[in-house]
PDB file of N, CA and C in Angstrom:
ATOM      1  N   MET A   1      39.017   0.822  92.598  1.00  0.00           N
ATOM      2  CA  MET A   1      38.604   2.109  92.118  1.00  0.00           C
ATOM      3  C   MET A   1      39.175   3.157  93.066  1.00  0.00           C
ATOM      4  N   ILE A   2      39.725   4.187  92.473  1.00  0.00           N
ATOM      5  CA  ILE A   2      40.232   5.324  93.231  1.00  0.00           C
ATOM      6  C   ILE A   2      39.484   6.562  92.760  1.00  0.00           C
ATOM      7  N   VAL A   3      38.889   7.266  93.692  1.00  0.00           N
ATOM      8  CA  VAL A   3      38.190   8.513  93.395  1.00  0.00           C
ATOM      9  C   VAL A   3      38.957   9.632  94.076  1.00  0.00           C
ATOM     10  N   THR A   4      39.322  10.667  93.316  1.00  0.00           N
ATOM     11  CA  THR A   4      40.139  11.734  93.875  1.00  0.00           C
ATOM     12  C   THR A   4      39.928  13.043  93.125  1.00  0.00           C
ATOM     13  N   ASP A   5      40.346  14.115  93.780  1.00  0.00           N
ATOM     14  CA  ASP A   5      40.404  15.405  93.095  1.00  0.00           C
ATOM     15  C   ASP A   5      41.769  15.560  92.422  1.00  0.00           C
ATOM     16  N   GLY A   6      42.632  14.575  92.595  1.00  0.00           N
ATOM     17  CA  GLY A   6      43.937  14.563  91.944  1.00  0.00           C
ATOM     18  C   GLY A   6      45.072  15.092  92.779  1.00  0.00           C
ATOM     19  N   GLU A   7      44.756  15.584  93.939  1.00  0.00           N
ATOM     20  CA  GLU A   7      45.778  16.217  94.763  1.00  0.00           C
ATOM     21  C   GLU A   7      46.317  15.215  95.794  1.00  0.00           C
ATOM     22  N   PHE A   8      47.159  14.282  95.312  1.00  0.00           N
ATOM     23  CA  PHE A   8      47.790  13.318  96.202  1.00  0.00           C
ATOM     24  C   PHE A   8      49.062  12.792  95.538  1.00  0.00           C
ATOM     25  N   SER A   9      49.907  12.229  96.343  1.00  0.00           N
ATOM     26  CA  SER A   9      51.112  11.594  95.814  1.00  0.00           C
ATOM     27  C   SER A   9      51.058  10.116  96.172  1.00  0.00           C
ATOM     28  N   VAL A  10      51.912   9.343  95.537  1.00  0.00           N
ATOM     29  CA  VAL A  10      51.917   7.910  95.791  1.00  0.00           C
ATOM     30  C   VAL A  10      53.373   7.442  95.884  1.00  0.00           C
ATOM     31  N   PRO A  11      53.704   6.701  96.931  1.00  0.00           N
ATOM     32  CA  PRO A  11      55.069   6.202  97.074  1.00  0.00           C
ATOM     33  C   PRO A  11      55.413   5.214  95.954  1.00  0.00           C
ATOM     34  N   SER A  12      56.671   5.195  95.554  1.00  0.00           N
ATOM     35  CA  SER A  12      57.091   4.331  94.445  1.00  0.00           C
ATOM     36  C   SER A  12      56.881   2.857  94.772  1.00  0.00           C
ATOM     37  N   ASN A  13      57.015   2.467  96.042  1.00  0.00           N
ATOM     38  CA  ASN A  13      56.788   1.057  96.374  1.00  0.00           C
ATOM     39  C   ASN A  13      55.319   0.668  96.187  1.00  0.00           C
ATOM     40  N   THR A  14      54.409   1.597  96.391  1.00  0.00           N
ATOM     41  CA  THR A  14      52.986   1.327  96.149  1.00  0.00           C
ATOM     42  C   THR A  14      52.730   1.133  94.666  1.00  0.00           C
ATOM     43  N   VAL A  15      53.356   1.959  93.851  1.00  0.00           N
ATOM     44  CA  VAL A  15      53.225   1.821  92.399  1.00  0.00           C
ATOM     45  C   VAL A  15      53.709   0.436  91.962  1.00  0.00           C
ATOM     46  N   GLU A  16      54.822  -0.010  92.493  1.00  0.00           N
ATOM     47  CA  GLU A  16      55.369  -1.330  92.146  1.00  0.00           C
ATOM     48  C   GLU A  16      54.444  -2.451  92.601  1.00  0.00           C
ATOM     49  N   LEU A  17      53.879  -2.348  93.801  1.00  0.00           N
ATOM     50  CA  LEU A  17      52.956  -3.368  94.294  1.00  0.00           C
ATOM     51  C   LEU A  17      51.710  -3.477  93.410  1.00  0.00           C
ATOM     52  N   ILE A  18      51.172  -2.348  93.021  1.00  0.00           N
ATOM     53  CA  ILE A  18      49.995  -2.335  92.145  1.00  0.00           C
ATOM     54  C   ILE A  18      50.357  -2.911  90.784  1.00  0.00           C
ATOM     55  N   LYS A  19      51.512  -2.533  90.256  1.00  0.00           N
ATOM     56  CA  LYS A  19      51.954  -3.042  88.959  1.00  0.00           C
ATOM     57  C   LYS A  19      52.079  -4.569  88.983  1.00  0.00           C
ATOM     58  N   LYS A  20      52.674  -5.101  90.026  1.00  0.00           N
ATOM     59  CA  LYS A  20      52.835  -6.554  90.150  1.00  0.00           C
ATOM     60  C   LYS A  20      51.479  -7.243  90.281  1.00  0.00           C
ATOM     61  N   ALA A  21      50.571  -6.662  91.052  1.00  0.00           N
ATOM     62  CA  ALA A  21      49.239  -7.245  91.205  1.00  0.00           C
ATOM     63  C   ALA A  21      48.478  -7.233  89.885  1.00  0.00           C
ATOM     64  N   LYS A  22      48.665  -6.184  89.091  1.00  0.00           N
ATOM     65  CA  LYS A  22      48.030  -6.124  87.770  1.00  0.00           C
ATOM     66  C   LYS A  22      48.533  -7.253  86.891  1.00  0.00           C
ATOM     67  N   GLU A  23      49.833  -7.482  86.903  1.00  0.00           N
ATOM     68  CA  GLU A  23      50.427  -8.520  86.061  1.00  0.00           C
ATOM     69  C   GLU A  23      50.061  -9.920  86.551  1.00  0.00           C
ATOM     70  N   LYS A  24      50.182 -10.158  87.834  1.00  0.00           N
ATOM     71  CA  LYS A  24      49.988 -11.495  88.391  1.00  0.00           C
ATOM     72  C   LYS A  24      48.517 -11.894  88.466  1.00  0.00           C
ATOM     73  N   ASN A  25      47.689 -10.971  88.921  1.00  0.00           N
ATOM     74  CA  ASN A  25      46.284 -11.290  89.199  1.00  0.00           C
ATOM     75  C   ASN A  25      45.299 -10.677  88.218  1.00  0.00           C
ATOM     76  N   LYS A  26      45.836 -10.058  87.165  1.00  0.00           N
ATOM     77  CA  LYS A  26      44.991  -9.365  86.180  1.00  0.00           C
ATOM     78  C   LYS A  26      44.110  -8.308  86.848  1.00  0.00           C
ATOM     79  N   LEU A  27      44.688  -7.652  87.846  1.00  0.00           N
ATOM     80  CA  LEU A  27      43.993  -6.594  88.566  1.00  0.00           C
ATOM     81  C   LEU A  27      43.736  -5.410  87.641  1.00  0.00           C
ATOM     82  N   ARG A  28      42.555  -4.856  87.744  1.00  0.00           N
ATOM     83  CA  ARG A  28      42.226  -3.624  87.021  1.00  0.00           C
ATOM     84  C   ARG A  28      41.893  -2.561  88.055  1.00  0.00           C
ATOM     85  N   VAL A  29      42.469  -1.398  87.897  1.00  0.00           N
ATOM     86  CA  VAL A  29      42.221  -0.301  88.825  1.00  0.00           C
ATOM     87  C   VAL A  29      41.695   0.882  88.012  1.00  0.00           C
ATOM     88  N   HIS A  30      40.438   1.219  88.237  1.00  0.00           N
ATOM     89  CA  HIS A  30      39.839   2.367  87.567  1.00  0.00           C
ATOM     90  C   HIS A  30      40.041   3.597  88.436  1.00  0.00           C
ATOM     91  N   GLY A  31      40.279   4.720  87.804  1.00  0.00           N
ATOM     92  CA  GLY A  31      40.414   5.978  88.515  1.00  0.00           C
ATOM     93  C   GLY A  31      39.330   6.947  88.094  1.00  0.00           C
ATOM     94  N   ILE A  32      38.805   7.667  89.040  1.00  0.00           N
ATOM     95  CA  ILE A  32      37.847   8.743  88.756  1.00  0.00           C
ATOM     96  C   ILE A  32      38.478  10.027  89.263  1.00  0.00           C
ATOM     97  N   LEU A  33      38.743  10.911  88.347  1.00  0.00           N
ATOM     98  CA  LEU A  33      39.378  12.191  88.659  1.00  0.00           C
ATOM     99  C   LEU A  33      38.337  13.288  88.500  1.00  0.00           C
ATOM    100  N   VAL A  34      38.032  13.959  89.608  1.00  0.00           N
ATOM    101  CA  VAL A  34      37.004  14.998  89.610  1.00  0.00           C
ATOM    102  C   VAL A  34      37.672  16.344  89.830  1.00  0.00           C
ATOM    103  N   GLY A  35      37.469  17.252  88.906  1.00  0.00           N
ATOM    104  CA  GLY A  35      38.036  18.587  89.029  1.00  0.00           C
ATOM    105  C   GLY A  35      39.075  18.844  87.960  1.00  0.00           C
ATOM    106  N   GLY A  36      39.747  19.957  88.086  1.00  0.00           N
ATOM    107  CA  GLY A  36      40.661  20.394  87.062  1.00  0.00           C
ATOM    108  C   GLY A  36      42.115  20.018  87.264  1.00  0.00           C
ATOM    109  N   TRP A  37      42.430  19.259  88.313  1.00  0.00           N
ATOM    110  CA  TRP A  37      43.816  18.897  88.577  1.00  0.00           C
ATOM    111  C   TRP A  37      44.319  17.879  87.563  1.00  0.00           C
ATOM    112  N   ASN A  38      45.580  17.977  87.223  1.00  0.00           N
ATOM    113  CA  ASN A  38      46.262  16.910  86.504  1.00  0.00           C
ATOM    114  C   ASN A  38      46.994  16.097  87.547  1.00  0.00           C
ATOM    115  N   SER A  39      46.838  14.795  87.513  1.00  0.00           N
ATOM    116  CA  SER A  39      47.407  13.959  88.559  1.00  0.00           C
ATOM    117  C   SER A  39      48.283  12.874  87.958  1.00  0.00           C
ATOM    118  N   SER A  40      49.572  12.996  88.169  1.00  0.00           N
ATOM    119  CA  SER A  40      50.460  11.935  87.706  1.00  0.00           C
ATOM    120  C   SER A  40      50.310  10.701  88.584  1.00  0.00           C
ATOM    121  N   ALA A  41      49.911  10.884  89.839  1.00  0.00           N
ATOM    122  CA  ALA A  41      49.755   9.754  90.751  1.00  0.00           C
ATOM    123  C   ALA A  41      48.651   8.813  90.269  1.00  0.00           C
ATOM    124  N   ILE A  42      47.523   9.357  89.891  1.00  0.00           N
ATOM    125  CA  ILE A  42      46.423   8.495  89.448  1.00  0.00           C
ATOM    126  C   ILE A  42      46.765   7.819  88.125  1.00  0.00           C
ATOM    127  N   GLU A  43      47.532   8.491  87.289  1.00  0.00           N
ATOM    128  CA  GLU A  43      47.960   7.893  86.025  1.00  0.00           C
ATOM    129  C   GLU A  43      48.870   6.693  86.269  1.00  0.00           C
ATOM    130  N   LYS A  44      49.665   6.740  87.327  1.00  0.00           N
ATOM    131  CA  LYS A  44      50.572   5.639  87.648  1.00  0.00           C
ATOM    132  C   LYS A  44      49.830   4.422  88.186  1.00  0.00           C
ATOM    133  N   LEU A  45      48.690   4.637  88.832  1.00  0.00           N
ATOM    134  CA  LEU A  45      47.965   3.556  89.485  1.00  0.00           C
ATOM    135  C   LEU A  45      46.808   2.994  88.673  1.00  0.00           C
ATOM    136  N   CYS A  46      46.178   3.821  87.875  1.00  0.00           N
ATOM    137  CA  CYS A  46      44.907   3.447  87.261  1.00  0.00           C
ATOM    138  C   CYS A  46      44.964   3.395  85.740  1.00  0.00           C
ATOM    139  N   ASN A  47      44.196   2.458  85.216  1.00  0.00           N
ATOM    140  CA  ASN A  47      43.977   2.380  83.789  1.00  0.00           C
ATOM    141  C   ASN A  47      42.658   1.655  83.590  1.00  0.00           C
ATOM    142  N   PRO A  48      41.646   2.357  83.197  1.00  0.00           N
ATOM    143  CA  PRO A  48      41.591   3.711  82.688  1.00  0.00           C
ATOM    144  C   PRO A  48      41.364   4.752  83.792  1.00  0.00           C
ATOM    145  N   VAL A  49      41.506   6.014  83.401  1.00  0.00           N
ATOM    146  CA  VAL A  49      41.166   7.135  84.273  1.00  0.00           C
ATOM    147  C   VAL A  49      39.973   7.853  83.637  1.00  0.00           C
ATOM    148  N   HIS A  50      38.895   7.963  84.393  1.00  0.00           N
ATOM    149  CA  HIS A  50      37.688   8.653  83.940  1.00  0.00           C
ATOM    150  C   HIS A  50      37.730  10.060  84.526  1.00  0.00           C
ATOM    151  N   ARG A  51      37.586  11.054  83.678  1.00  0.00           N
ATOM    152  CA  ARG A  51      37.731  12.445  84.110  1.00  0.00           C
ATOM    153  C   ARG A  51      36.384  13.187  84.057  1.00  0.00           C
ATOM    154  N   PHE A  52      36.130  13.925  85.126  1.00  0.00           N
ATOM    155  CA  PHE A  52      34.916  14.735  85.218  1.00  0.00           C
ATOM    156  C   PHE A  52      35.300  16.115  85.721  1.00  0.00           C
ATOM    157  N   SER A  53      34.725  17.133  85.127  1.00  0.00           N
ATOM    158  CA  SER A  53      35.081  18.495  85.505  1.00  0.00           C
ATOM    159  C   SER A  53      34.596  18.837  86.913  1.00  0.00           C
ATOM    160  N   ASP A  54      33.465  18.269  87.326  1.00  0.00           N
ATOM    161  CA  ASP A  54      32.953  18.474  88.686  1.00  0.00           C
ATOM    162  C   ASP A  54      31.939  17.382  88.994  1.00  0.00           C
ATOM    163  N   TRP A  55      31.448  17.342  90.239  1.00  0.00           N
ATOM    164  CA  TRP A  55      30.507  16.294  90.639  1.00  0.00           C
ATOM    165  C   TRP A  55      29.218  16.350  89.845  1.00  0.00           C
ATOM    166  N   GLN A  56      28.813  17.527  89.409  1.00  0.00           N
ATOM    167  CA  GLN A  56      27.571  17.655  88.644  1.00  0.00           C
ATOM    168  C   GLN A  56      27.700  17.020  87.274  1.00  0.00           C
ATOM    169  N   ALA A  57      28.926  16.832  86.806  1.00  0.00           N
ATOM    170  CA  ALA A  57      29.130  16.186  85.510  1.00  0.00           C
ATOM    171  C   ALA A  57      28.753  14.713  85.552  1.00  0.00           C
ATOM    172  N   PHE A  58      28.699  14.136  86.773  1.00  0.00           N
ATOM    173  CA  PHE A  58      28.268  12.757  86.911  1.00  0.00           C
ATOM    174  C   PHE A  58      26.836  12.670  86.508  1.00  0.00           C
TER     175      PHE A  58
END
């Protein structure tokens, strides 16, 4: 699980490692995106991505 406000980047080698782990080990990575940012990084790592406008939305 990755919890973020969406303001981060991810190296391409990390994306590849996560992708391989998903395929080999049936890894699932959930993302929680809090706030109004659009994050391509979390989209690359997580499926599904749960979106919340703010912490109070929890």
